[in-house]
Amino acid sequence: SESSDEWRPIAEGVLYITNKKVYFDGDKQ
């Protein structure tokens, strides 16, 4: 058994950028 790092989809949602923060409002996270 071997372990490797892979890019995985975590959630679908809306991205907001304000003058303070970056927000991601996702369906799961």
mmCIF file of all heavy atoms, coordinates in Angstrom:
data_MODEL
# 
_entry.id   MODEL 
# 
loop_
_atom_site.group_PDB 
_atom_site.id 
_atom_site.type_symbol 
_atom_site.label_atom_id 
_atom_site.label_alt_id 
_atom_site.label_comp_id 
_atom_site.label_asym_id 
_atom_site.label_entity_id 
_atom_site.label_seq_id 
_atom_site.pdbx_PDB_ins_code 
_atom_site.Cartn_x 
_atom_site.Cartn_y 
_atom_site.Cartn_z 
_atom_site.occupancy 
_atom_site.B_iso_or_equiv 
_atom_site.pdbx_formal_charge 
_atom_site.auth_seq_id 
_atom_site.auth_comp_id 
_atom_site.auth_asym_id 
_atom_site.auth_atom_id 
_atom_site.pdbx_PDB_model_num 
ATOM 1   N N   . SER A 1 1  ? 0.843   -1.195 0.000  1.00 0.00 ? 1  SER A N   1 
ATOM 2   C CA  . SER A 1 1  ? 0.000   0.000  0.000  1.00 0.00 ? 1  SER A CA  1 
ATOM 3   C C   . SER A 1 1  ? 0.874   1.239  0.000  1.00 0.00 ? 1  SER A C   1 
ATOM 4   O O   . SER A 1 1  ? 1.858   1.314  0.742  1.00 0.00 ? 1  SER A O   1 
ATOM 5   C CB  . SER A 1 1  ? -0.918  0.001  1.223  1.00 0.00 ? 1  SER A CB  1 
ATOM 6   O OG  . SER A 1 1  ? -1.744  1.125  1.234  1.00 0.00 ? 1  SER A OG  1 
ATOM 7   N N   . GLU A 1 2  ? 0.538   2.187  -0.868 1.00 0.00 ? 2  GLU A N   1 
ATOM 8   C CA  . GLU A 1 2  ? 1.268   3.443  -0.955 1.00 0.00 ? 2  GLU A CA  1 
ATOM 9   C C   . GLU A 1 2  ? 0.290   4.606  -0.903 1.00 0.00 ? 2  GLU A C   1 
ATOM 10  O O   . GLU A 1 2  ? -0.840  4.504  -1.378 1.00 0.00 ? 2  GLU A O   1 
ATOM 11  C CB  . GLU A 1 2  ? 2.099   3.522  -2.244 1.00 0.00 ? 2  GLU A CB  1 
ATOM 12  C CG  . GLU A 1 2  ? 3.207   2.485  -2.324 1.00 0.00 ? 2  GLU A CG  1 
ATOM 13  C CD  . GLU A 1 2  ? 4.022   2.625  -3.597 1.00 0.00 ? 2  GLU A CD  1 
ATOM 14  O OE1 . GLU A 1 2  ? 3.620   3.453  -4.452 1.00 0.00 ? 2  GLU A OE1 1 
ATOM 15  O OE2 . GLU A 1 2  ? 5.030   1.925  -3.745 1.00 0.00 ? 2  GLU A OE2 1 
ATOM 16  N N   . SER A 1 3  ? 0.746   5.710  -0.360 1.00 0.00 ? 3  SER A N   1 
ATOM 17  C CA  . SER A 1 3  ? -0.094  6.902  -0.262 1.00 0.00 ? 3  SER A CA  1 
ATOM 18  C C   . SER A 1 3  ? 0.524   8.028  -1.085 1.00 0.00 ? 3  SER A C   1 
ATOM 19  O O   . SER A 1 3  ? 1.738   8.235  -1.058 1.00 0.00 ? 3  SER A O   1 
ATOM 20  C CB  . SER A 1 3  ? -0.222  7.340  1.200  1.00 0.00 ? 3  SER A CB  1 
ATOM 21  O OG  . SER A 1 3  ? -1.040  8.483  1.299  1.00 0.00 ? 3  SER A OG  1 
ATOM 22  N N   . SER A 1 4  ? -0.312  8.744  -1.820 1.00 0.00 ? 4  SER A N   1 
ATOM 23  C CA  . SER A 1 4  ? 0.161   9.872  -2.621 1.00 0.00 ? 4  SER A CA  1 
ATOM 24  C C   . SER A 1 4  ? -0.828  11.027 -2.505 1.00 0.00 ? 4  SER A C   1 
ATOM 25  O O   . SER A 1 4  ? -2.021  10.827 -2.285 1.00 0.00 ? 4  SER A O   1 
ATOM 26  C CB  . SER A 1 4  ? 0.315   9.469  -4.090 1.00 0.00 ? 4  SER A CB  1 
ATOM 27  O OG  . SER A 1 4  ? -0.935  9.068  -4.635 1.00 0.00 ? 4  SER A OG  1 
ATOM 28  N N   . ASP A 1 5  ? -0.314  12.240 -2.649 1.00 0.00 ? 5  ASP A N   1 
ATOM 29  C CA  . ASP A 1 5  ? -1.166  13.434 -2.591 1.00 0.00 ? 5  ASP A CA  1 
ATOM 30  C C   . ASP A 1 5  ? -1.760  13.707 -3.972 1.00 0.00 ? 5  ASP A C   1 
ATOM 31  O O   . ASP A 1 5  ? -1.031  13.759 -4.969 1.00 0.00 ? 5  ASP A O   1 
ATOM 32  C CB  . ASP A 1 5  ? -0.353  14.643 -2.125 1.00 0.00 ? 5  ASP A CB  1 
ATOM 33  C CG  . ASP A 1 5  ? 0.009   14.555 -0.649 1.00 0.00 ? 5  ASP A CG  1 
ATOM 34  O OD1 . ASP A 1 5  ? -0.661  13.795 0.068  1.00 0.00 ? 5  ASP A OD1 1 
ATOM 35  O OD2 . ASP A 1 5  ? 0.951   15.241 -0.224 1.00 0.00 ? 5  ASP A OD2 1 
ATOM 36  N N   . GLU A 1 6  ? -3.073  13.888 -4.031 1.00 0.00 ? 6  GLU A N   1 
ATOM 37  C CA  . GLU A 1 6  ? -3.765  14.154 -5.293 1.00 0.00 ? 6  GLU A CA  1 
ATOM 38  C C   . GLU A 1 6  ? -4.794  15.261 -5.096 1.00 0.00 ? 6  GLU A C   1 
ATOM 39  O O   . GLU A 1 6  ? -5.383  15.391 -4.022 1.00 0.00 ? 6  GLU A O   1 
ATOM 40  C CB  . GLU A 1 6  ? -4.462  12.885 -5.804 1.00 0.00 ? 6  GLU A CB  1 
ATOM 41  C CG  . GLU A 1 6  ? -3.524  11.739 -6.112 1.00 0.00 ? 6  GLU A CG  1 
ATOM 42  C CD  . GLU A 1 6  ? -4.261  10.509 -6.618 1.00 0.00 ? 6  GLU A CD  1 
ATOM 43  O OE1 . GLU A 1 6  ? -5.498  10.612 -6.859 1.00 0.00 ? 6  GLU A OE1 1 
ATOM 44  O OE2 . GLU A 1 6  ? -3.620  9.458  -6.778 1.00 0.00 ? 6  GLU A OE2 1 
ATOM 45  N N   . TRP A 1 7  ? -4.997  16.056 -6.155 1.00 0.00 ? 7  TRP A N   1 
ATOM 46  C CA  . TRP A 1 7  ? -6.029  17.090 -6.118 1.00 0.00 ? 7  TRP A CA  1 
ATOM 47  C C   . TRP A 1 7  ? -7.397  16.419 -6.203 1.00 0.00 ? 7  TRP A C   1 
ATOM 48  O O   . TRP A 1 7  ? -7.637  15.606 -7.095 1.00 0.00 ? 7  TRP A O   1 
ATOM 49  C CB  . TRP A 1 7  ? -5.844  18.065 -7.271 1.00 0.00 ? 7  TRP A CB  1 
ATOM 50  C CG  . TRP A 1 7  ? -4.686  18.995 -7.099 1.00 0.00 ? 7  TRP A CG  1 
ATOM 51  C CD1 . TRP A 1 7  ? -3.463  18.909 -7.697 1.00 0.00 ? 7  TRP A CD1 1 
ATOM 52  C CD2 . TRP A 1 7  ? -4.634  20.165 -6.267 1.00 0.00 ? 7  TRP A CD2 1 
ATOM 53  N NE1 . TRP A 1 7  ? -2.654  19.939 -7.284 1.00 0.00 ? 7  TRP A NE1 1 
ATOM 54  C CE2 . TRP A 1 7  ? -3.342  20.727 -6.416 1.00 0.00 ? 7  TRP A CE2 1 
ATOM 55  C CE3 . TRP A 1 7  ? -5.542  20.772 -5.415 1.00 0.00 ? 7  TRP A CE3 1 
ATOM 56  C CZ2 . TRP A 1 7  ? -2.946  21.874 -5.748 1.00 0.00 ? 7  TRP A CZ2 1 
ATOM 57  C CZ3 . TRP A 1 7  ? -5.158  21.918 -4.740 1.00 0.00 ? 7  TRP A CZ3 1 
ATOM 58  C CH2 . TRP A 1 7  ? -3.881  22.467 -4.914 1.00 0.00 ? 7  TRP A CH2 1 
ATOM 59  N N   . ARG A 1 8  ? -8.281  16.780 -5.277 1.00 0.00 ? 8  ARG A N   1 
ATOM 60  C CA  . ARG A 1 8  ? -9.612  16.199 -5.234 1.00 0.00 ? 8  ARG A CA  1 
ATOM 61  C C   . ARG A 1 8  ? -10.668 17.296 -5.136 1.00 0.00 ? 8  ARG A C   1 
ATOM 62  O O   . ARG A 1 8  ? -10.476 18.285 -4.423 1.00 0.00 ? 8  ARG A O   1 
ATOM 63  C CB  . ARG A 1 8  ? -9.746  15.271 -4.028 1.00 0.00 ? 8  ARG A CB  1 
ATOM 64  C CG  . ARG A 1 8  ? -8.878  14.025 -4.113 1.00 0.00 ? 8  ARG A CG  1 
ATOM 65  C CD  . ARG A 1 8  ? -9.439  13.054 -5.120 1.00 0.00 ? 8  ARG A CD  1 
ATOM 66  N NE  . ARG A 1 8  ? -8.640  11.836 -5.212 1.00 0.00 ? 8  ARG A NE  1 
ATOM 67  C CZ  . ARG A 1 8  ? -8.987  10.783 -5.918 1.00 0.00 ? 8  ARG A CZ  1 
ATOM 68  N NH1 . ARG A 1 8  ? -10.122 10.790 -6.587 1.00 0.00 ? 8  ARG A NH1 1 
ATOM 69  N NH2 . ARG A 1 8  ? -8.206  9.715  -5.988 1.00 0.00 ? 8  ARG A NH2 1 
ATOM 70  N N   . PRO A 1 9  ? -11.817 17.144 -5.839 1.00 0.00 ? 9  PRO A N   1 
ATOM 71  C CA  . PRO A 1 9  ? -12.913 18.110 -5.672 1.00 0.00 ? 9  PRO A CA  1 
ATOM 72  C C   . PRO A 1 9  ? -13.526 17.980 -4.285 1.00 0.00 ? 9  PRO A C   1 
ATOM 73  O O   . PRO A 1 9  ? -13.833 16.874 -3.841 1.00 0.00 ? 9  PRO A O   1 
ATOM 74  C CB  . PRO A 1 9  ? -13.896 17.728 -6.778 1.00 0.00 ? 9  PRO A CB  1 
ATOM 75  C CG  . PRO A 1 9  ? -13.591 16.292 -7.078 1.00 0.00 ? 9  PRO A CG  1 
ATOM 76  C CD  . PRO A 1 9  ? -12.138 16.101 -6.836 1.00 0.00 ? 9  PRO A CD  1 
ATOM 77  N N   . ILE A 1 10 ? -13.691 19.109 -3.612 1.00 0.00 ? 10 ILE A N   1 
ATOM 78  C CA  . ILE A 1 10 ? -14.188 19.104 -2.236 1.00 0.00 ? 10 ILE A CA  1 
ATOM 79  C C   . ILE A 1 10 ? -15.645 19.567 -2.166 1.00 0.00 ? 10 ILE A C   1 
ATOM 80  O O   . ILE A 1 10 ? -16.454 18.998 -1.439 1.00 0.00 ? 10 ILE A O   1 
ATOM 81  C CB  . ILE A 1 10 ? -13.316 20.010 -1.341 1.00 0.00 ? 10 ILE A CB  1 
ATOM 82  C CG1 . ILE A 1 10 ? -11.848 19.571 -1.421 1.00 0.00 ? 10 ILE A CG1 1 
ATOM 83  C CG2 . ILE A 1 10 ? -13.807 19.984 0.099  1.00 0.00 ? 10 ILE A CG2 1 
ATOM 84  C CD1 . ILE A 1 10 ? -11.593 18.145 -1.002 1.00 0.00 ? 10 ILE A CD1 1 
ATOM 85  N N   . ALA A 1 11 ? -15.967 20.610 -2.939 1.00 0.00 ? 11 ALA A N   1 
ATOM 86  C CA  . ALA A 1 11 ? -17.322 21.160 -2.869 1.00 0.00 ? 11 ALA A CA  1 
ATOM 87  C C   . ALA A 1 11 ? -17.600 22.022 -4.092 1.00 0.00 ? 11 ALA A C   1 
ATOM 88  O O   . ALA A 1 11 ? -16.685 22.469 -4.786 1.00 0.00 ? 11 ALA A O   1 
ATOM 89  C CB  . ALA A 1 11 ? -17.502 21.982 -1.592 1.00 0.00 ? 11 ALA A CB  1 
ATOM 90  N N   . GLU A 1 12 ? -18.891 22.251 -4.344 1.00 0.00 ? 12 GLU A N   1 
ATOM 91  C CA  . GLU A 1 12 ? -19.355 23.158 -5.391 1.00 0.00 ? 12 GLU A CA  1 
ATOM 92  C C   . GLU A 1 12 ? -20.037 24.335 -4.709 1.00 0.00 ? 12 GLU A C   1 
ATOM 93  O O   . GLU A 1 12 ? -20.758 24.155 -3.717 1.00 0.00 ? 12 GLU A O   1 
ATOM 94  C CB  . GLU A 1 12 ? -20.349 22.448 -6.312 1.00 0.00 ? 12 GLU A CB  1 
ATOM 95  C CG  . GLU A 1 12 ? -19.839 21.184 -6.959 1.00 0.00 ? 12 GLU A CG  1 
ATOM 96  C CD  . GLU A 1 12 ? -19.018 21.450 -8.200 1.00 0.00 ? 12 GLU A CD  1 
ATOM 97  O OE1 . GLU A 1 12 ? -19.145 22.571 -8.743 1.00 0.00 ? 12 GLU A OE1 1 
ATOM 98  O OE2 . GLU A 1 12 ? -18.263 20.561 -8.612 1.00 0.00 ? 12 GLU A OE2 1 
ATOM 99  N N   . GLY A 1 13 ? -19.815 25.544 -5.239 1.00 0.00 ? 13 GLY A N   1 
ATOM 100 C CA  . GLY A 1 13 ? -20.451 26.679 -4.593 1.00 0.00 ? 13 GLY A CA  1 
ATOM 101 C C   . GLY A 1 13 ? -20.157 28.007 -5.267 1.00 0.00 ? 13 GLY A C   1 
ATOM 102 O O   . GLY A 1 13 ? -19.886 28.064 -6.472 1.00 0.00 ? 13 GLY A O   1 
ATOM 103 N N   . VAL A 1 14 ? -20.223 29.063 -4.468 1.00 0.00 ? 14 VAL A N   1 
ATOM 104 C CA  . VAL A 1 14 ? -20.062 30.436 -4.952 1.00 0.00 ? 14 VAL A CA  1 
ATOM 105 C C   . VAL A 1 14 ? -18.824 31.049 -4.301 1.00 0.00 ? 14 VAL A C   1 
ATOM 106 O O   . VAL A 1 14 ? -18.592 30.887 -3.094 1.00 0.00 ? 14 VAL A O   1 
ATOM 107 C CB  . VAL A 1 14 ? -21.303 31.293 -4.619 1.00 0.00 ? 14 VAL A CB  1 
ATOM 108 C CG1 . VAL A 1 14 ? -21.153 32.694 -5.205 1.00 0.00 ? 14 VAL A CG1 1 
ATOM 109 C CG2 . VAL A 1 14 ? -22.564 30.623 -5.148 1.00 0.00 ? 14 VAL A CG2 1 
ATOM 110 N N   . LEU A 1 15 ? -18.029 31.740 -5.109 1.00 0.00 ? 15 LEU A N   1 
ATOM 111 C CA  . LEU A 1 15 ? -16.830 32.426 -4.615 1.00 0.00 ? 15 LEU A CA  1 
ATOM 112 C C   . LEU A 1 15 ? -17.100 33.924 -4.539 1.00 0.00 ? 15 LEU A C   1 
ATOM 113 O O   . LEU A 1 15 ? -17.599 34.524 -5.496 1.00 0.00 ? 15 LEU A O   1 
ATOM 114 C CB  . LEU A 1 15 ? -15.647 32.163 -5.543 1.00 0.00 ? 15 LEU A CB  1 
ATOM 115 C CG  . LEU A 1 15 ? -14.311 32.772 -5.111 1.00 0.00 ? 15 LEU A CG  1 
ATOM 116 C CD1 . LEU A 1 15 ? -13.740 32.011 -3.917 1.00 0.00 ? 15 LEU A CD1 1 
ATOM 117 C CD2 . LEU A 1 15 ? -13.311 32.783 -6.263 1.00 0.00 ? 15 LEU A CD2 1 
ATOM 118 N N   . TYR A 1 16 ? -16.779 34.521 -3.391 1.00 0.00 ? 16 TYR A N   1 
ATOM 119 C CA  . TYR A 1 16 ? -16.921 35.954 -3.190 1.00 0.00 ? 16 TYR A CA  1 
ATOM 120 C C   . TYR A 1 16 ? -15.552 36.528 -2.812 1.00 0.00 ? 16 TYR A C   1 
ATOM 121 O O   . TYR A 1 16 ? -14.824 35.931 -2.021 1.00 0.00 ? 16 TYR A O   1 
ATOM 122 C CB  . TYR A 1 16 ? -17.896 36.275 -2.049 1.00 0.00 ? 16 TYR A CB  1 
ATOM 123 C CG  . TYR A 1 16 ? -19.277 35.693 -2.189 1.00 0.00 ? 16 TYR A CG  1 
ATOM 124 C CD1 . TYR A 1 16 ? -19.567 34.415 -1.719 1.00 0.00 ? 16 TYR A CD1 1 
ATOM 125 C CD2 . TYR A 1 16 ? -20.302 36.438 -2.768 1.00 0.00 ? 16 TYR A CD2 1 
ATOM 126 C CE1 . TYR A 1 16 ? -20.841 33.882 -1.825 1.00 0.00 ? 16 TYR A CE1 1 
ATOM 127 C CE2 . TYR A 1 16 ? -21.590 35.906 -2.868 1.00 0.00 ? 16 TYR A CE2 1 
ATOM 128 C CZ  . TYR A 1 16 ? -21.842 34.639 -2.402 1.00 0.00 ? 16 TYR A CZ  1 
ATOM 129 O OH  . TYR A 1 16 ? -23.117 34.118 -2.498 1.00 0.00 ? 16 TYR A OH  1 
ATOM 130 N N   . ILE A 1 17 ? -15.244 37.685 -3.380 1.00 0.00 ? 17 ILE A N   1 
ATOM 131 C CA  . ILE A 1 17 ? -14.028 38.400 -2.978 1.00 0.00 ? 17 ILE A CA  1 
ATOM 132 C C   . ILE A 1 17 ? -14.435 39.793 -2.517 1.00 0.00 ? 17 ILE A C   1 
ATOM 133 O O   . ILE A 1 17 ? -15.076 40.546 -3.266 1.00 0.00 ? 17 ILE A O   1 
ATOM 134 C CB  . ILE A 1 17 ? -13.012 38.510 -4.132 1.00 0.00 ? 17 ILE A CB  1 
ATOM 135 C CG1 . ILE A 1 17 ? -12.635 37.113 -4.650 1.00 0.00 ? 17 ILE A CG1 1 
ATOM 136 C CG2 . ILE A 1 17 ? -11.752 39.241 -3.663 1.00 0.00 ? 17 ILE A CG2 1 
ATOM 137 C CD1 . ILE A 1 17 ? -11.683 37.140 -5.831 1.00 0.00 ? 17 ILE A CD1 1 
ATOM 138 N N   . THR A 1 18 ? -14.095 40.107 -1.287 1.00 0.00 ? 18 THR A N   1 
ATOM 139 C CA  . THR A 1 18 ? -14.386 41.438 -0.759 1.00 0.00 ? 18 THR A CA  1 
ATOM 140 C C   . THR A 1 18 ? -13.068 42.183 -0.544 1.00 0.00 ? 18 THR A C   1 
ATOM 141 O O   . THR A 1 18 ? -11.993 41.673 -0.853 1.00 0.00 ? 18 THR A O   1 
ATOM 142 C CB  . THR A 1 18 ? -15.151 41.343 0.579  1.00 0.00 ? 18 THR A CB  1 
ATOM 143 O OG1 . THR A 1 18 ? -14.242 40.928 1.618  1.00 0.00 ? 18 THR A OG1 1 
ATOM 144 C CG2 . THR A 1 18 ? -16.299 40.341 0.488  1.00 0.00 ? 18 THR A CG2 1 
ATOM 145 N N   . ASN A 1 19 ? -13.177 43.386 -0.009 1.00 0.00 ? 19 ASN A N   1 
ATOM 146 C CA  . ASN A 1 19 ? -11.970 44.151 0.287  1.00 0.00 ? 19 ASN A CA  1 
ATOM 147 C C   . ASN A 1 19 ? -11.307 43.694 1.590  1.00 0.00 ? 19 ASN A C   1 
ATOM 148 O O   . ASN A 1 19 ? -10.332 44.290 2.034  1.00 0.00 ? 19 ASN A O   1 
ATOM 149 C CB  . ASN A 1 19 ? -12.283 45.649 0.362  1.00 0.00 ? 19 ASN A CB  1 
ATOM 150 C CG  . ASN A 1 19 ? -13.335 45.955 1.410  1.00 0.00 ? 19 ASN A CG  1 
ATOM 151 O OD1 . ASN A 1 19 ? -14.128 45.096 1.792  1.00 0.00 ? 19 ASN A OD1 1 
ATOM 152 N ND2 . ASN A 1 19 ? -13.349 47.197 1.871  1.00 0.00 ? 19 ASN A ND2 1 
ATOM 153 N N   . LYS A 1 20 ? -11.839 42.592 2.162  1.00 0.00 ? 20 LYS A N   1 
ATOM 154 C CA  . LYS A 1 20 ? -11.274 42.045 3.396  1.00 0.00 ? 20 LYS A CA  1 
ATOM 155 C C   . LYS A 1 20 ? -10.923 40.561 3.299  1.00 0.00 ? 20 LYS A C   1 
ATOM 156 O O   . LYS A 1 20 ? -9.916  40.111 3.812  1.00 0.00 ? 20 LYS A O   1 
ATOM 157 C CB  . LYS A 1 20 ? -12.256 42.232 4.564  1.00 0.00 ? 20 LYS A CB  1 
ATOM 158 C CG  . LYS A 1 20 ? -12.658 43.672 4.836  1.00 0.00 ? 20 LYS A CG  1 
ATOM 159 C CD  . LYS A 1 20 ? -11.515 44.484 5.427  1.00 0.00 ? 20 LYS A CD  1 
ATOM 160 C CE  . LYS A 1 20 ? -11.988 45.900 5.781  1.00 0.00 ? 20 LYS A CE  1 
ATOM 161 N NZ  . LYS A 1 20 ? -10.886 46.719 6.323  1.00 0.00 ? 20 LYS A NZ  1 
ATOM 162 N N   . LYS A 1 21 ? -11.814 39.809 2.627  1.00 0.00 ? 21 LYS A N   1 
ATOM 163 C CA  . LYS A 1 21 ? -11.675 38.353 2.651  1.00 0.00 ? 21 LYS A CA  1 
ATOM 164 C C   . LYS A 1 21 ? -12.053 37.721 1.310  1.00 0.00 ? 21 LYS A C   1 
ATOM 165 O O   . LYS A 1 21 ? -12.698 38.353 0.461  1.00 0.00 ? 21 LYS A O   1 
ATOM 166 C CB  . LYS A 1 21 ? -12.571 37.744 3.740  1.00 0.00 ? 21 LYS A CB  1 
ATOM 167 C CG  . LYS A 1 21 ? -12.239 38.166 5.163  1.00 0.00 ? 21 LYS A CG  1 
ATOM 168 C CD  . LYS A 1 21 ? -13.200 37.494 6.142  1.00 0.00 ? 21 LYS A CD  1 
ATOM 169 C CE  . LYS A 1 21 ? -12.872 37.849 7.591  1.00 0.00 ? 21 LYS A CE  1 
ATOM 170 N NZ  . LYS A 1 21 ? -13.218 39.249 7.903  1.00 0.00 ? 21 LYS A NZ  1 
ATOM 171 N N   . VAL A 1 22 ? -11.658 36.455 1.176  1.00 0.00 ? 22 VAL A N   1 
ATOM 172 C CA  . VAL A 1 22 ? -12.147 35.590 0.102  1.00 0.00 ? 22 VAL A CA  1 
ATOM 173 C C   . VAL A 1 22 ? -13.062 34.560 0.755  1.00 0.00 ? 22 VAL A C   1 
ATOM 174 O O   . VAL A 1 22 ? -12.645 33.837 1.661  1.00 0.00 ? 22 VAL A O   1 
ATOM 175 C CB  . VAL A 1 22 ? -10.996 34.884 -0.634 1.00 0.00 ? 22 VAL A CB  1 
ATOM 176 C CG1 . VAL A 1 22 ? -11.548 33.895 -1.661 1.00 0.00 ? 22 VAL A CG1 1 
ATOM 177 C CG2 . VAL A 1 22 ? -10.089 35.906 -1.322 1.00 0.00 ? 22 VAL A CG2 1 
ATOM 178 N N   . TYR A 1 23 ? -14.309 34.525 0.306  1.00 0.00 ? 23 TYR A N   1 
ATOM 179 C CA  . TYR A 1 23 ? -15.291 33.589 0.858  1.00 0.00 ? 23 TYR A CA  1 
ATOM 180 C C   . TYR A 1 23 ? -15.633 32.534 -0.197 1.00 0.00 ? 23 TYR A C   1 
ATOM 181 O O   . TYR A 1 23 ? -15.764 32.846 -1.379 1.00 0.00 ? 23 TYR A O   1 
ATOM 182 C CB  . TYR A 1 23 ? -16.590 34.291 1.240  1.00 0.00 ? 23 TYR A CB  1 
ATOM 183 C CG  . TYR A 1 23 ? -16.483 35.338 2.322  1.00 0.00 ? 23 TYR A CG  1 
ATOM 184 C CD1 . TYR A 1 23 ? -16.194 36.666 2.010  1.00 0.00 ? 23 TYR A CD1 1 
ATOM 185 C CD2 . TYR A 1 23 ? -16.708 35.004 3.667  1.00 0.00 ? 23 TYR A CD2 1 
ATOM 186 C CE1 . TYR A 1 23 ? -16.115 37.639 2.993  1.00 0.00 ? 23 TYR A CE1 1 
ATOM 187 C CE2 . TYR A 1 23 ? -16.636 35.980 4.656  1.00 0.00 ? 23 TYR A CE2 1 
ATOM 188 C CZ  . TYR A 1 23 ? -16.345 37.283 4.318  1.00 0.00 ? 23 TYR A CZ  1 
ATOM 189 O OH  . TYR A 1 23 ? -16.272 38.258 5.300  1.00 0.00 ? 23 TYR A OH  1 
ATOM 190 N N   . PHE A 1 24 ? -15.809 31.304 0.271  1.00 0.00 ? 24 PHE A N   1 
ATOM 191 C CA  . PHE A 1 24 ? -16.356 30.248 -0.588 1.00 0.00 ? 24 PHE A CA  1 
ATOM 192 C C   . PHE A 1 24 ? -17.528 29.626 0.142  1.00 0.00 ? 24 PHE A C   1 
ATOM 193 O O   . PHE A 1 24 ? -17.376 29.049 1.226  1.00 0.00 ? 24 PHE A O   1 
ATOM 194 C CB  . PHE A 1 24 ? -15.311 29.184 -0.914 1.00 0.00 ? 24 PHE A CB  1 
ATOM 195 C CG  . PHE A 1 24 ? -15.856 28.035 -1.730 1.00 0.00 ? 24 PHE A CG  1 
ATOM 196 C CD1 . PHE A 1 24 ? -16.151 28.203 -3.071 1.00 0.00 ? 24 PHE A CD1 1 
ATOM 197 C CD2 . PHE A 1 24 ? -16.100 26.798 -1.142 1.00 0.00 ? 24 PHE A CD2 1 
ATOM 198 C CE1 . PHE A 1 24 ? -16.678 27.153 -3.827 1.00 0.00 ? 24 PHE A CE1 1 
ATOM 199 C CE2 . PHE A 1 24 ? -16.620 25.743 -1.877 1.00 0.00 ? 24 PHE A CE2 1 
ATOM 200 C CZ  . PHE A 1 24 ? -16.904 25.928 -3.227 1.00 0.00 ? 24 PHE A CZ  1 
ATOM 201 N N   . ASP A 1 25 ? -18.716 29.773 -0.432 1.00 0.00 ? 25 ASP A N   1 
ATOM 202 C CA  . ASP A 1 25 ? -19.942 29.220 0.143  1.00 0.00 ? 25 ASP A CA  1 
ATOM 203 C C   . ASP A 1 25 ? -20.275 27.948 -0.629 1.00 0.00 ? 25 ASP A C   1 
ATOM 204 O O   . ASP A 1 25 ? -20.871 28.000 -1.711 1.00 0.00 ? 25 ASP A O   1 
ATOM 205 C CB  . ASP A 1 25 ? -21.070 30.249 0.039  1.00 0.00 ? 25 ASP A CB  1 
ATOM 206 C CG  . ASP A 1 25 ? -22.363 29.769 0.686  1.00 0.00 ? 25 ASP A CG  1 
ATOM 207 O OD1 . ASP A 1 25 ? -22.298 28.793 1.469  1.00 0.00 ? 25 ASP A OD1 1 
ATOM 208 O OD2 . ASP A 1 25 ? -23.418 30.353 0.412  1.00 0.00 ? 25 ASP A OD2 1 
ATOM 209 N N   . GLY A 1 26 ? -19.878 26.792 -0.079 1.00 0.00 ? 26 GLY A N   1 
ATOM 210 C CA  . GLY A 1 26 ? -20.033 25.532 -0.790 1.00 0.00 ? 26 GLY A CA  1 
ATOM 211 C C   . GLY A 1 26 ? -21.176 24.679 -0.305 1.00 0.00 ? 26 GLY A C   1 
ATOM 212 O O   . GLY A 1 26 ? -21.723 24.897 0.777  1.00 0.00 ? 26 GLY A O   1 
ATOM 213 N N   . ASP A 1 27 ? -21.535 23.695 -1.113 1.00 0.00 ? 27 ASP A N   1 
ATOM 214 C CA  . ASP A 1 27 ? -22.624 22.790 -0.751 1.00 0.00 ? 27 ASP A CA  1 
ATOM 215 C C   . ASP A 1 27 ? -22.215 21.798 0.332  1.00 0.00 ? 27 ASP A C   1 
ATOM 216 O O   . ASP A 1 27 ? -23.061 21.291 1.071  1.00 0.00 ? 27 ASP A O   1 
ATOM 217 C CB  . ASP A 1 27 ? -23.139 22.043 -1.989 1.00 0.00 ? 27 ASP A CB  1 
ATOM 218 C CG  . ASP A 1 27 ? -22.028 21.269 -2.703 1.00 0.00 ? 27 ASP A CG  1 
ATOM 219 O OD1 . ASP A 1 27 ? -20.849 21.432 -2.337 1.00 0.00 ? 27 ASP A OD1 1 
ATOM 220 O OD2 . ASP A 1 27 ? -22.351 20.507 -3.641 1.00 0.00 ? 27 ASP A OD2 1 
ATOM 221 N N   . LYS A 1 28 ? -20.911 21.537 0.458  1.00 0.00 ? 28 LYS A N   1 
ATOM 222 C CA  . LYS A 1 28 ? -20.432 20.588 1.459  1.00 0.00 ? 28 LYS A CA  1 
ATOM 223 C C   . LYS A 1 28 ? -19.495 21.234 2.477  1.00 0.00 ? 28 LYS A C   1 
ATOM 224 O O   . LYS A 1 28 ? -19.513 20.861 3.645  1.00 0.00 ? 28 LYS A O   1 
ATOM 225 C CB  . LYS A 1 28 ? -19.723 19.415 0.775  1.00 0.00 ? 28 LYS A CB  1 
ATOM 226 C CG  . LYS A 1 28 ? -20.630 18.592 -0.130 1.00 0.00 ? 28 LYS A CG  1 
ATOM 227 C CD  . LYS A 1 28 ? -19.855 17.494 -0.822 1.00 0.00 ? 28 LYS A CD  1 
ATOM 228 C CE  . LYS A 1 28 ? -20.759 16.688 -1.750 1.00 0.00 ? 28 LYS A CE  1 
ATOM 229 N NZ  . LYS A 1 28 ? -20.013 15.636 -2.477 1.00 0.00 ? 28 LYS A NZ  1 
ATOM 230 N N   . GLN A 1 29 ? -18.665 22.161 2.008  1.00 0.00 ? 29 GLN A N   1 
ATOM 231 C CA  . GLN A 1 29 ? -17.732 22.840 2.904  1.00 0.00 ? 29 GLN A CA  1 
ATOM 232 C C   . GLN A 1 29 ? -17.605 24.298 2.502  1.00 0.00 ? 29 GLN A C   1 
ATOM 233 O O   . GLN A 1 29 ? -17.818 24.659 1.335  1.00 0.00 ? 29 GLN A O   1 
ATOM 234 C CB  . GLN A 1 29 ? -16.353 22.169 2.878  1.00 0.00 ? 29 GLN A CB  1 
ATOM 235 C CG  . GLN A 1 29 ? -16.321 20.753 3.407  1.00 0.00 ? 29 GLN A CG  1 
ATOM 236 C CD  . GLN A 1 29 ? -14.902 20.229 3.541  1.00 0.00 ? 29 GLN A CD  1 
ATOM 237 O OE1 . GLN A 1 29 ? -13.946 20.972 3.748  1.00 0.00 ? 29 GLN A OE1 1 
ATOM 238 N NE2 . GLN A 1 29 ? -14.750 18.910 3.422  1.00 0.00 ? 29 GLN A NE2 1 
# 
